[in-house]
Amino acid sequence: MKRPVLDMAQIEDMERVTCEAMEFNSTVQFSVFKPLPFLNGADTGEIVQIEGHIHYINQLKKTFHVVDSKRDTNLIKFEEVVEIQTI
């Protein structure tokens, strides 16, 4: 699949969900685009789901630190996020 392109409304919605999840320590589900460049270039890949709590947002490295149910920390780059939903 091709890398999805987000519009401003989608980005603003994700920012709102992120703020609420941080404030209330809610569980969120990230839809993350993982490139598979060996298929048809860097813009081709798959979307994977990562569930957990947003532990920290690193503004300098532009990453979310998400702790999942196994207590593992997942580093998710801002540019890879396609959607964020509260569960």
Protein backbone atom coordinates (compact mmCIF):
# COMPACT_ATOMS: atom_id res chain seq x y z
CA MET A 1 0.00 0.00 0.00
CA LYS A 2 1.09 3.58 -0.60
CA ARG A 3 1.96 5.92 2.28
CA PRO A 4 -1.23 7.76 3.33
CA VAL A 5 -1.23 11.56 3.12
CA LEU A 6 -2.86 13.30 6.08
CA ASP A 7 -4.76 16.57 5.86
CA MET A 8 -4.76 19.29 8.53
CA ALA A 9 -8.07 18.13 10.07
CA GLN A 10 -6.67 14.63 10.63
CA ILE A 11 -3.49 16.02 12.17
CA GLU A 12 -5.47 18.31 14.50
CA ASP A 13 -7.68 15.38 15.54
CA MET A 14 -4.60 13.28 16.37
CA GLU A 15 -3.15 16.15 18.42
CA ARG A 16 -6.41 16.40 20.40
CA VAL A 17 -6.50 12.64 21.06
CA THR A 18 -2.84 12.74 22.12
CA CYS A 19 -3.42 15.58 24.60
CA GLU A 20 -6.46 13.85 26.11
CA ALA A 21 -4.64 10.52 26.35
CA MET A 22 -1.71 12.14 28.14
CA GLU A 23 -3.98 14.03 30.53
CA PHE A 24 -6.15 11.03 31.48
CA ASN A 25 -3.54 8.27 30.97
CA SER A 26 -5.84 6.61 28.44
CA THR A 27 -4.94 3.60 26.33
CA VAL A 28 -4.51 4.54 22.69
CA GLN A 29 -4.07 2.64 19.46
CA PHE A 30 -1.57 3.98 16.96
CA SER A 31 -1.87 3.06 13.30
CA VAL A 32 1.74 3.25 12.09
CA PHE A 33 3.00 3.13 8.51
CA LYS A 34 6.03 0.85 8.24
CA PRO A 35 7.84 1.23 4.91
CA LEU A 36 8.82 -1.86 2.95
CA PRO A 37 11.23 -0.26 0.45
CA PHE A 38 12.18 -3.53 -1.20
CA LEU A 39 8.67 -3.76 -2.71
CA ASN A 40 8.20 -0.57 -4.73
CA GLY A 41 10.15 2.25 -3.11
CA ALA A 42 10.13 4.05 0.24
CA ASP A 43 6.48 5.09 -0.04
CA THR A 44 5.24 1.50 -0.12
CA GLY A 45 4.60 -0.41 3.07
CA GLU A 46 2.07 -1.70 5.56
CA ILE A 47 0.13 -0.29 8.49
CA VAL A 48 0.64 -1.91 11.90
CA GLN A 49 -1.30 -1.31 15.12
CA ILE A 50 0.42 -0.49 18.41
CA GLU A 51 -1.63 -0.20 21.61
CA GLY A 52 -0.49 1.31 24.87
CA HIS A 53 -0.13 4.41 27.00
CA ILE A 54 1.77 7.45 25.82
CA HIS A 55 4.57 7.68 28.37
CA TYR A 56 6.54 10.55 26.84
CA ILE A 57 6.69 12.73 23.74
CA ASN A 58 10.20 13.63 22.61
CA GLN A 59 9.85 16.87 20.66
CA LEU A 60 13.52 16.98 19.65
CA LYS A 61 13.60 13.49 18.14
CA LYS A 62 9.94 13.72 17.11
CA THR A 63 8.96 10.41 18.68
CA PHE A 64 6.23 9.04 20.92
CA HIS A 65 7.32 6.69 23.71
CA VAL A 66 4.43 4.23 24.06
CA VAL A 67 4.38 1.57 26.78
CA ASP A 68 2.37 -1.49 25.72
CA SER A 69 0.67 -4.18 27.83
CA LYS A 70 3.93 -6.19 28.04
CA ARG A 71 5.65 -3.13 29.56
CA ASP A 72 7.78 -2.74 26.43
CA THR A 73 8.50 0.80 25.22
CA ASN A 74 7.79 1.40 21.54
CA LEU A 75 9.37 4.43 19.87
CA ILE A 76 7.07 5.75 17.16
CA LYS A 77 8.19 8.52 14.83
CA PHE A 78 5.70 11.34 14.26
CA GLU A 79 6.04 10.94 10.49
CA GLU A 80 5.00 7.27 10.65
CA VAL A 81 1.69 7.87 12.47
CA VAL A 82 -1.39 7.53 10.29
CA GLU A 83 -4.06 7.56 13.01
CA ILE A 84 -4.42 7.67 16.82
CA GLN A 85 -7.55 6.43 18.59
CA THR A 86 -8.50 6.23 22.24
CA ILE A 87 -9.52 2.71 23.28
